[in-house]
Protein backbone atom coordinates (compact mmCIF):
# COMPACT_ATOMS: atom_id res chain seq x y z
CA UNK A 1 0.03 -0.01 0.01
CA UNK A 2 1.03 3.61 -0.57
CA UNK A 3 3.26 4.40 2.41
CA UNK A 4 1.59 7.76 3.06
CA UNK A 5 -1.84 6.13 3.24
CA UNK A 6 -0.41 3.49 5.50
CA UNK A 7 0.99 6.15 7.83
CA UNK A 8 -2.34 7.99 7.85
CA UNK A 9 -4.22 4.86 8.77
CA UNK A 10 -1.69 3.88 11.47
CA UNK A 11 -1.76 7.38 13.02
CA UNK A 12 -5.58 7.27 13.07
CA UNK A 13 -5.57 3.88 14.81
CA UNK A 14 -3.05 5.15 17.46
CA UNK A 15 -5.20 8.26 18.07
CA UNK A 16 -8.38 6.22 18.56
CA UNK A 17 -6.66 3.68 20.82
CA UNK A 18 -5.11 6.63 22.75
CA UNK A 19 -8.55 8.06 23.40
CA UNK A 20 -9.58 4.87 25.13
CA UNK A 21 -6.45 4.56 27.25
CA UNK A 22 -6.82 7.74 29.19
CA UNK A 23 -6.95 7.80 32.97
CA UNK A 24 -10.60 8.64 33.12
CA UNK A 25 -13.46 6.80 31.46
CA UNK A 26 -14.88 9.05 28.71
CA UNK A 27 -18.58 9.82 28.53
CA UNK A 28 -20.44 8.95 25.35
CA UNK A 29 -20.61 12.65 24.40
CA UNK A 30 -16.82 13.01 24.81
CA UNK A 31 -16.19 10.05 22.70
CA UNK A 32 -18.46 11.27 19.98
CA UNK A 33 -16.77 14.60 19.86
CA UNK A 34 -13.24 13.30 19.93
CA UNK A 35 -13.88 10.45 17.42
CA UNK A 36 -15.74 12.81 15.08
CA UNK A 37 -12.70 15.17 14.98
CA UNK A 38 -10.18 12.31 14.53
CA UNK A 39 -12.34 10.77 11.82
CA UNK A 40 -12.82 13.98 9.93
CA UNK A 41 -8.95 14.50 10.02
CA UNK A 42 -8.44 10.97 8.78
CA UNK A 43 -10.93 11.29 5.92
CA UNK A 44 -9.50 14.63 4.78
CA UNK A 45 -5.87 13.34 4.92
CA UNK A 46 -6.86 10.07 3.12
CA UNK A 47 -8.66 11.94 0.27
CA UNK A 48 -5.71 14.19 -0.27
CA UNK A 49 -3.20 11.19 -0.19
CA UNK A 50 -5.43 9.27 -2.58
CA UNK A 51 -5.65 12.11 -5.12
CA UNK A 52 -1.84 12.76 -4.96
CA UNK A 53 -1.19 9.03 -5.31
CA UNK A 54 -3.22 8.92 -8.57
CA UNK A 55 -1.45 12.09 -9.77
CA UNK A 56 1.98 10.44 -9.09
CA UNK A 57 0.86 7.33 -11.01
CA UNK A 58 -0.14 9.35 -14.00
CA UNK A 59 3.13 11.24 -13.82
CA UNK A 60 5.05 7.93 -13.94
CA UNK A 61 3.33 6.83 -17.15
CA UNK A 62 5.89 8.55 -19.32
CA UNK A 63 5.66 6.27 -22.36
CA UNK A 64 1.83 6.36 -22.34
CA UNK A 65 1.79 10.13 -21.94
CA UNK A 66 4.28 10.46 -24.80
CA UNK A 67 2.11 8.42 -27.14
CA UNK A 68 -0.91 10.46 -26.17
CA UNK A 69 1.05 13.72 -26.64
CA UNK A 70 0.39 14.74 -22.98
CA UNK A 71 3.22 16.82 -21.41
CA UNK A 72 3.72 18.33 -18.05
CA UNK A 73 3.01 22.05 -18.02
CA UNK A 74 3.27 22.74 -14.26
CA UNK A 75 3.73 20.52 -11.17
CA UNK A 76 2.40 20.70 -7.62
CA UNK A 77 -0.58 22.98 -8.32
CA UNK A 78 -2.67 23.24 -5.20
CA UNK A 79 -6.48 22.62 -5.13
CA UNK A 80 -8.93 23.04 -2.24
CA UNK A 81 -12.53 21.97 -1.94
CA UNK A 82 -15.05 21.67 0.83
CA UNK A 83 -16.03 18.09 1.68
CA UNK A 84 -18.51 16.73 4.26
CA UNK A 85 -15.55 16.43 6.61
CA UNK A 86 -14.07 19.84 6.13
CA UNK A 87 -11.58 21.54 3.81
CA UNK A 88 -9.43 19.19 1.75
CA UNK A 89 -6.27 20.39 0.04
CA UNK A 90 -3.92 18.43 -2.32
CA UNK A 91 -1.47 19.06 -5.12
CA UNK A 92 -1.52 17.77 -8.60
CA UNK A 93 0.05 18.18 -12.04
CA UNK A 94 -1.19 20.59 -14.79
CA UNK A 95 -0.89 18.95 -18.22
CA UNK A 96 -0.90 20.12 -21.81
CA UNK A 97 -2.91 17.86 -24.11
CA UNK A 98 -3.93 17.93 -27.76
CA UNK A 99 -7.26 19.42 -26.79
CA UNK A 100 -5.82 22.03 -24.34
CA UNK A 101 -4.81 22.10 -20.69
CA UNK A 102 -6.15 20.18 -17.70
CA UNK A 103 -5.60 18.32 -14.46
CA UNK A 104 -5.80 14.60 -15.27
CA UNK A 105 -5.85 13.51 -11.59
CA UNK A 106 -9.03 15.77 -11.04
CA UNK A 107 -10.62 14.00 -14.00
CA UNK A 108 -9.87 10.49 -12.71
CA UNK A 109 -11.22 11.16 -9.16
CA UNK A 110 -14.28 12.86 -10.60
CA UNK A 111 -13.65 16.50 -9.72
CA UNK A 112 -14.89 19.09 -12.13
CA UNK A 113 -13.05 22.26 -12.98
CA UNK A 114 -13.75 25.28 -10.64
CA UNK A 115 -15.79 23.21 -8.26
CA UNK A 116 -15.07 24.29 -4.71
CA UNK A 117 -17.68 22.14 -2.98
CA UNK A 118 -18.08 18.37 -3.18
CA UNK A 119 -21.30 16.98 -4.67
CA UNK A 120 -22.12 15.42 -1.25
CA UNK A 121 -21.97 18.88 0.42
CA UNK A 122 -24.04 20.29 -2.42
CA UNK A 123 -26.68 17.59 -1.90
CA UNK A 124 -26.86 18.46 1.88
CA UNK A 125 -27.25 22.08 1.18
CA UNK A 126 -30.16 21.50 -1.22
CA UNK A 127 -31.78 18.90 1.05
CA UNK A 128 -31.90 21.29 3.94
CA UNK A 129 -32.89 24.27 1.79
CA UNK A 130 -36.18 22.40 0.96
CA UNK A 131 -37.11 22.83 4.63
CA UNK A 132 -35.45 26.11 5.63
CA UNK A 133 -33.99 29.33 4.27
CA UNK A 134 -30.80 29.30 2.18
CA UNK A 135 -28.91 31.09 4.82
CA UNK A 136 -29.91 28.70 7.45
CA UNK A 137 -29.05 25.79 5.28
CA UNK A 138 -25.42 26.93 4.80
CA UNK A 139 -25.09 27.70 8.41
CA UNK A 140 -26.28 24.19 9.51
CA UNK A 141 -24.40 22.38 6.76
CA UNK A 142 -21.06 24.29 6.36
CA UNK A 143 -21.16 26.73 9.35
CA UNK A 144 -21.62 29.53 6.84
CA UNK A 145 -18.53 28.69 4.78
CA UNK A 146 -20.58 29.12 1.54
CA UNK A 147 -22.96 31.78 0.59
CA UNK A 148 -26.75 31.52 0.23
CA UNK A 149 -26.23 32.35 -3.46
CA UNK A 150 -24.31 29.12 -3.73
CA UNK A 151 -27.22 27.23 -2.19
CA UNK A 152 -29.60 28.79 -4.75
CA UNK A 153 -27.22 27.86 -7.68
CA UNK A 154 -27.02 24.30 -6.51
CA UNK A 155 -30.87 23.95 -6.21
CA UNK A 156 -30.95 25.02 -9.92
CA UNK A 157 -28.68 22.15 -10.75
CA UNK A 158 -30.97 19.51 -9.35
CA UNK A 159 -32.19 16.68 -11.53
CA UNK A 160 -34.10 13.38 -11.13
CA UNK A 161 -36.77 14.77 -8.71
CA UNK A 162 -39.67 13.06 -10.43
CA UNK A 163 -41.66 10.51 -8.50
CA UNK A 164 -40.74 7.01 -9.73
CA UNK A 165 -43.10 4.02 -9.23
CA UNK A 166 -41.63 1.57 -6.76
CA UNK A 167 -42.10 -1.40 -9.11
CA UNK A 168 -44.52 -3.28 -6.84
CA UNK A 169 -48.05 -2.83 -8.11
CA UNK A 170 -50.51 -2.12 -5.33
CA UNK A 171 -54.19 -2.81 -5.08
CA UNK A 172 -56.82 -0.43 -3.70
CA UNK A 173 -60.58 -0.36 -4.01
CA UNK A 174 -60.78 3.49 -3.66
CA UNK A 175 -58.25 6.21 -4.38
CA UNK A 176 -58.43 9.84 -3.56
CA UNK A 177 -56.86 12.58 -5.70
CA UNK A 178 -56.72 15.98 -3.95
CA UNK A 179 -55.95 18.99 -6.05
CA UNK A 180 -55.46 22.56 -4.80
CA UNK A 181 -53.08 25.52 -5.22
CA UNK A 182 -50.87 27.81 -3.24
CA UNK A 183 -50.74 31.57 -3.95
CA UNK A 184 -47.08 32.53 -3.91
CA UNK A 185 -45.52 36.06 -4.03
CA UNK A 186 -42.98 36.82 -6.74
CA UNK A 187 -40.09 39.36 -6.45
CA UNK A 188 -41.99 41.70 -8.81
CA UNK A 189 -44.84 41.98 -6.31
CA UNK A 190 -47.30 39.80 -8.20
CA UNK A 191 -48.86 36.54 -6.89
CA UNK A 192 -48.83 33.30 -8.92
CA UNK A 193 -50.53 29.98 -8.47
CA UNK A 194 -48.47 26.85 -7.73
CA UNK A 195 -50.54 23.66 -8.27
CA UNK A 196 -50.51 20.73 -5.87
CA UNK A 197 -51.87 17.19 -6.54
CA UNK A 198 -51.95 14.60 -3.88
CA UNK A 199 -52.84 10.93 -4.34
CA UNK A 200 -53.79 8.83 -1.30
CA UNK A 201 -55.71 5.74 -0.20
CA UNK A 202 -57.99 7.33 2.42
CA UNK A 203 -57.82 9.13 5.74
CA UNK A 204 -57.08 7.40 9.09
CA UNK A 205 -57.17 8.67 12.60
CA UNK A 206 -53.72 8.98 14.27
CA UNK A 207 -54.69 10.68 17.60
CA UNK A 208 -57.56 12.57 19.12
CA UNK A 209 -57.22 15.70 16.97
CA UNK A 210 -55.01 14.42 14.15
CA UNK A 211 -55.69 12.44 10.98
CA UNK A 212 -53.37 11.41 8.17
CA UNK A 213 -53.62 10.46 4.52
CA UNK A 214 -52.64 6.88 3.87
CA UNK A 215 -49.70 6.43 1.49
CA UNK A 216 -49.94 9.99 0.28
CA UNK A 217 -47.78 11.08 -2.63
CA UNK A 218 -47.55 14.58 -3.96
CA UNK A 219 -47.00 16.23 -7.36
CA UNK A 220 -46.18 19.89 -8.10
CA UNK A 221 -44.26 21.75 -10.78
CA UNK A 222 -44.78 25.47 -11.19
CA UNK A 223 -45.05 26.65 -14.79
CA UNK A 224 -45.97 23.23 -16.15
CA UNK A 225 -49.28 23.16 -18.10
CA UNK A 226 -52.08 21.54 -15.98
CA UNK A 227 -52.75 18.84 -18.63
CA UNK A 228 -49.06 17.78 -18.63
CA UNK A 229 -49.03 17.63 -14.83
CA UNK A 230 -52.25 15.49 -14.88
CA UNK A 231 -50.67 13.23 -17.45
CA UNK A 232 -47.71 12.64 -15.25
CA UNK A 233 -49.89 11.84 -12.29
CA UNK A 234 -52.06 9.48 -14.40
CA UNK A 235 -49.02 7.66 -15.80
CA UNK A 236 -47.55 7.30 -12.26
CA UNK A 237 -50.92 5.98 -10.88
CA UNK A 238 -51.23 3.44 -13.72
CA UNK A 239 -47.86 2.05 -12.89
CA UNK A 240 -48.16 2.18 -9.06
CA UNK A 241 -51.58 0.65 -8.79
CA UNK A 242 -53.49 -2.23 -10.43
CA UNK A 243 -56.01 0.05 -12.16
CA UNK A 244 -58.52 -2.79 -12.74
CA UNK A 245 -58.78 -3.31 -9.01
CA UNK A 246 -59.89 0.32 -8.40
CA UNK A 247 -63.69 0.65 -8.07
CA UNK A 248 -63.66 4.50 -7.92
CA UNK A 249 -61.24 7.40 -7.97
CA UNK A 250 -62.52 10.51 -6.18
CA UNK A 251 -61.05 13.85 -7.25
CA UNK A 252 -61.38 16.44 -4.50
CA UNK A 253 -60.96 20.14 -5.16
CA UNK A 254 -62.57 23.64 -5.43
CA UNK A 255 -64.00 23.04 -8.90
CA UNK A 256 -61.51 25.12 -10.76
CA UNK A 257 -61.20 24.31 -14.46
CA UNK A 258 -57.69 22.95 -14.21
CA UNK A 259 -58.79 20.66 -11.32
CA UNK A 260 -61.76 19.23 -13.19
CA UNK A 261 -59.50 18.58 -16.10
CA UNK A 262 -58.03 15.76 -13.98
CA UNK A 263 -61.17 13.68 -14.49
CA UNK A 264 -60.07 13.00 -18.01
CA UNK A 265 -57.00 11.15 -16.86
CA UNK A 266 -58.47 8.72 -14.38
CA UNK A 267 -60.89 5.86 -15.09
CA UNK A 268 -64.10 5.59 -13.07
CA UNK A 269 -63.51 9.05 -11.45
CA UNK A 270 -65.97 11.36 -9.77
CA UNK A 271 -65.59 14.95 -8.60
CA UNK A 272 -66.07 15.91 -4.98
CA UNK A 273 -66.30 19.59 -3.98
CA UNK A 274 -64.25 19.81 -0.80
CA UNK A 275 -65.97 21.21 2.37
CA UNK A 276 -63.33 23.87 3.08
CA UNK A 277 -64.17 25.70 -0.20
CA UNK A 278 -67.88 25.27 0.31
CA UNK A 279 -67.62 26.88 3.68
CA UNK A 280 -65.27 29.60 2.40
CA UNK A 281 -67.74 30.47 -0.42
CA UNK A 282 -70.66 30.75 2.14
CA UNK A 283 -68.76 33.12 4.25
CA UNK A 284 -67.97 35.41 1.41
CA UNK A 285 -71.68 36.21 0.96
CA UNK A 286 -73.15 36.01 4.46
CA UNK A 287 -71.35 38.82 6.15
CA UNK A 288 -72.93 42.01 7.48
CA UNK A 289 -76.70 42.22 6.85
CA UNK A 290 -76.67 38.76 5.24
CA UNK A 291 -75.38 36.99 8.31
CA UNK A 292 -78.75 35.43 9.05
CA UNK A 293 -78.74 33.42 5.82
CA UNK A 294 -75.58 31.40 6.56
CA UNK A 295 -77.41 28.73 8.62
CA UNK A 296 -80.19 28.34 6.14
CA UNK A 297 -77.73 27.90 3.18
CA UNK A 298 -75.73 25.36 5.08
CA UNK A 299 -78.91 23.36 5.96
CA UNK A 300 -80.02 23.41 2.34
CA UNK A 301 -76.69 22.10 1.14
CA UNK A 302 -76.55 19.45 3.90
CA UNK A 303 -80.02 18.30 2.84
CA UNK A 304 -78.88 18.30 -0.81
CA UNK A 305 -81.89 20.49 -1.68
CA UNK A 306 -81.03 22.57 -4.70
CA UNK A 307 -84.36 24.18 -5.11
CA UNK A 308 -84.26 25.37 -1.53
CA UNK A 309 -80.85 26.77 -2.08
CA UNK A 310 -82.03 28.69 -5.15
CA UNK A 311 -84.95 30.09 -3.18
CA UNK A 312 -82.59 31.34 -0.29
CA UNK A 313 -80.33 33.05 -2.80
CA UNK A 314 -83.27 34.72 -4.49
CA UNK A 315 -84.26 36.09 -1.07
CA UNK A 316 -80.75 37.48 -0.56
CA UNK A 317 -80.86 39.16 -3.97
CA UNK A 318 -84.01 41.01 -2.90
CA UNK A 319 -82.13 42.56 0.05
CA UNK A 320 -78.87 43.61 -1.56
CA UNK A 321 -77.63 47.04 -0.66
CA UNK A 322 -75.37 47.53 -3.72
CA UNK A 323 -74.78 46.11 -7.09
CA UNK A 324 -71.29 44.77 -6.11
CA UNK A 325 -73.01 42.75 -3.30
CA UNK A 326 -75.56 41.50 -5.84
CA UNK A 327 -72.80 40.43 -8.24
CA UNK A 328 -71.06 38.59 -5.40
CA UNK A 329 -74.16 36.64 -4.51
CA UNK A 330 -74.77 35.74 -8.15
CA UNK A 331 -71.14 34.44 -8.42
CA UNK A 332 -71.71 32.44 -5.36
CA UNK A 333 -74.96 30.91 -6.79
CA UNK A 334 -73.21 30.05 -10.05
CA UNK A 335 -70.34 28.51 -8.13
CA UNK A 336 -72.52 26.19 -6.15
CA UNK A 337 -74.73 25.25 -9.15
CA UNK A 338 -71.74 24.56 -11.42
CA UNK A 339 -70.37 22.23 -8.73
CA UNK A 340 -73.58 20.68 -7.60
CA UNK A 341 -72.40 17.25 -8.68
CA UNK A 342 -69.47 17.59 -6.31
CA UNK A 343 -71.91 18.32 -3.40
CA UNK A 344 -74.65 15.87 -4.17
CA UNK A 345 -72.28 12.99 -4.44
CA UNK A 346 -72.04 12.91 -0.61
CA UNK A 347 -75.70 12.05 -0.43
CA UNK A 348 -75.48 8.50 -1.85
CA UNK A 349 -71.78 7.74 -1.80
CA UNK A 350 -70.33 7.28 1.61
CA UNK A 351 -66.95 6.32 0.19
CA UNK A 352 -66.26 9.69 -1.32
CA UNK A 353 -64.21 10.67 1.67
CA UNK A 354 -63.47 13.75 3.73
CA UNK A 355 -61.70 16.80 2.48
CA UNK A 356 -58.02 17.74 3.20
CA UNK A 357 -57.07 19.97 0.29
CA UNK A 358 -56.08 23.01 2.38
CA UNK A 359 -54.14 20.94 4.92
CA UNK A 360 -52.12 19.41 2.07
CA UNK A 361 -51.29 22.86 0.55
CA UNK A 362 -50.30 24.18 3.99
CA UNK A 363 -48.00 21.23 4.79
CA UNK A 364 -46.43 20.62 1.40
CA UNK A 365 -46.12 24.13 -0.22
CA UNK A 366 -47.17 26.98 1.96
CA UNK A 367 -44.79 26.07 4.73
CA UNK A 368 -41.84 26.96 2.60
CA UNK A 369 -43.23 29.01 -0.35
CA UNK A 370 -45.75 31.49 0.87
CA UNK A 371 -45.47 31.93 4.65
CA UNK A 372 -43.60 34.92 5.83
CA UNK A 373 -42.13 37.77 3.90
CA UNK A 374 -40.78 36.02 0.74
CA UNK A 375 -40.47 36.94 -2.89
CA UNK A 376 -39.50 34.21 -5.41
CA UNK A 377 -38.10 34.37 -8.94
CA UNK A 378 -40.04 32.18 -11.37
CA UNK A 379 -37.07 29.96 -11.91
CA UNK A 380 -36.40 29.60 -8.24
CA UNK A 381 -40.12 28.82 -7.64
CA UNK A 382 -40.13 26.09 -10.25
CA UNK A 383 -37.18 24.31 -8.65
CA UNK A 384 -38.39 24.76 -5.08
CA UNK A 385 -41.94 23.50 -5.82
CA UNK A 386 -40.47 20.32 -7.26
CA UNK A 387 -37.92 20.01 -4.40
CA UNK A 388 -40.62 20.38 -1.68
CA UNK A 389 -42.71 17.50 -3.02
CA UNK A 390 -39.55 15.40 -3.49
CA UNK A 391 -38.80 15.86 0.24
CA UNK A 392 -42.27 15.43 1.52
CA UNK A 393 -42.55 12.27 -0.47
CA UNK A 394 -39.89 10.91 1.81
CA UNK A 395 -36.92 11.25 -0.53
CA UNK A 396 -33.50 12.67 0.18
CA UNK A 397 -31.33 14.70 -2.12
CA UNK A 398 -28.07 12.78 -3.01
CA UNK A 399 -24.97 13.71 -4.98
CA UNK A 400 -26.50 11.98 -8.06
CA UNK A 401 -29.29 14.55 -7.99
CA UNK A 402 -26.88 17.46 -8.64
CA UNK A 403 -26.03 18.01 -12.27
CA UNK A 404 -22.48 17.96 -13.46
CA UNK A 405 -21.18 20.15 -16.22
CA UNK A 406 -20.08 17.03 -18.13
CA UNK A 407 -22.39 14.09 -17.19
CA UNK A 408 -20.33 11.62 -19.16
CA UNK A 409 -16.53 11.77 -18.71
CA UNK A 410 -14.56 9.25 -20.87
CA UNK A 411 -11.28 8.17 -19.51
CA UNK A 412 -8.46 7.66 -22.09
CA UNK A 413 -6.49 4.38 -22.08
CA UNK A 414 -3.72 5.76 -19.90
CA UNK A 415 -6.28 7.05 -17.29
CA UNK A 416 -7.94 3.63 -17.30
CA UNK A 417 -4.59 1.95 -16.78
CA UNK A 418 -4.02 4.23 -13.77
CA UNK A 419 -7.39 3.26 -12.31
CA UNK A 420 -6.46 -0.39 -12.71
CA UNK A 421 -3.11 0.19 -11.01
CA UNK A 422 -4.92 1.83 -8.03
CA UNK A 423 -7.19 -1.21 -7.60
CA UNK A 424 -4.11 -3.51 -7.69
CA UNK A 425 -2.32 -1.40 -5.12
CA UNK A 426 -5.20 -1.74 -2.62
CA UNK A 427 -5.94 -5.35 -3.51
CA UNK A 428 -2.38 -6.23 -2.52
CA UNK A 429 -2.72 -4.38 0.73
CA UNK A 430 -5.66 -6.46 2.14
CA UNK A 431 -3.54 -8.37 4.69
CA UNK A 432 -3.94 -5.33 7.06
CA UNK A 433 -0.31 -5.97 8.25
CA UNK A 434 0.03 -2.49 9.66
CA UNK A 435 -2.30 -3.47 12.50
CA UNK A 436 -0.11 -6.56 13.40
CA UNK A 437 3.27 -4.97 14.02
CA UNK A 438 3.02 -5.34 17.84
CA UNK A 439 0.53 -6.15 20.45
CA UNK A 440 -1.31 -3.26 21.85
CA UNK A 441 -0.52 -2.98 25.55
CA UNK A 442 -1.53 -0.62 28.30
CA UNK A 443 1.19 -0.73 30.99
CA UNK A 444 -0.54 1.44 33.75
CA UNK A 445 -3.67 0.57 35.59
CA UNK A 446 -6.59 2.68 34.29
CA UNK A 447 -10.34 2.38 34.82
CA UNK A 448 -10.63 0.64 31.53
CA UNK A 449 -7.88 -1.95 32.40
CA UNK A 450 -9.42 -2.48 35.87
CA UNK A 451 -12.79 -3.22 34.24
CA UNK A 452 -11.22 -5.63 31.84
CA UNK A 453 -9.48 -7.35 34.69
CA UNK A 454 -12.72 -7.68 36.53
CA UNK A 455 -14.47 -9.12 33.55
CA UNK A 456 -11.69 -11.71 33.18
CA UNK A 457 -12.38 -12.89 36.74
CA UNK A 458 -16.10 -13.28 36.02
CA UNK A 459 -17.02 -10.18 37.87
CA UNK A 460 -16.13 -6.50 38.30
CA UNK A 461 -13.20 -5.95 40.63
CA UNK A 462 -13.86 -2.34 41.89
């Protein structure tokens, strides 16, 4: 094995053993802190040694480099980047090739030009940014060593956030599709609509005042046409579930055109007007002098009596105090009548389920997008809406979710040879002989040795 790596491993082993041979028994917290620091040092030193070993192997391939017309331009050029374990620094060689200049060692170990942060750190920054501000993400991930602008840039490099079917087809008699939207402020002062679609298998009680949707999965993508988003949901559902086993799919929403469009993409589907928006619409027309009508309207709707509802609205129109109030009542009447099918379904179909549209929007989108003084760019909003549902769906951002400048990097024959040589170096070192040079002995009596002595005598000698 490379002598430098051997020395690093041996030093790390000695450090760890030294921690446990102190006079006092360490607490779990003290062990965690000390081993974390020792481990971080070990990883950083190992990465640097590994990169420099590869650089040295490339440098030694003189004949291969000559054939490929690769010459040394400058040696021992330093590079730093931020890893999960802290700042890593190593030196490598700058080469001139037929296509230009470059660091071959960087290419072999997968480091891109100008990258100052590892993809693992980028992934952690993005993962946290889905739940908190960019500034807080950098503080918790890197102790503020990178800027919030960097966090934003990494979010815009994300890929592969689509919900992928798990491969095991599930069966369900009834499915519930909940569609609603969040109203999000942009930096230009305007508000835009971000759609949210949730598919679940029903609502179950968790505790006294808390319910949850069973196997809920969420979809959102700001700026994408509604039909395209519905197509994606429909395609996912068709792969995730045995569609033939589904007796009914209930689409819950406020009756907006883009929501009703979803009925086209699901077999045996029915629309259900969610109770939150029914109640909200009633309150918009029963304030002030119309307050006394709220109970009568609710009772008519609860009894599914459309004629009674029309009579009550006609009475209200007789008492309006302004044309604007009259227009508001007429819009309310039109809203209820246009969505009467979504109200009347509750009369004869007990399986249509309860409503949870607003709760889903609050939990999935609003918590990050629209609460508090925020102003999004349209590009940032598109990425964050996808990132939010990715996280809430139980996924975690990984290095593979961060785009590289060059997704496919082909190694030349010489570089492949170096990779093979590295494998051979480590394959030959699997006898772990560095750990067998001498027995580890503790000469003085410590709490640990006293404990071991007690154990050897089938008891504790304290």
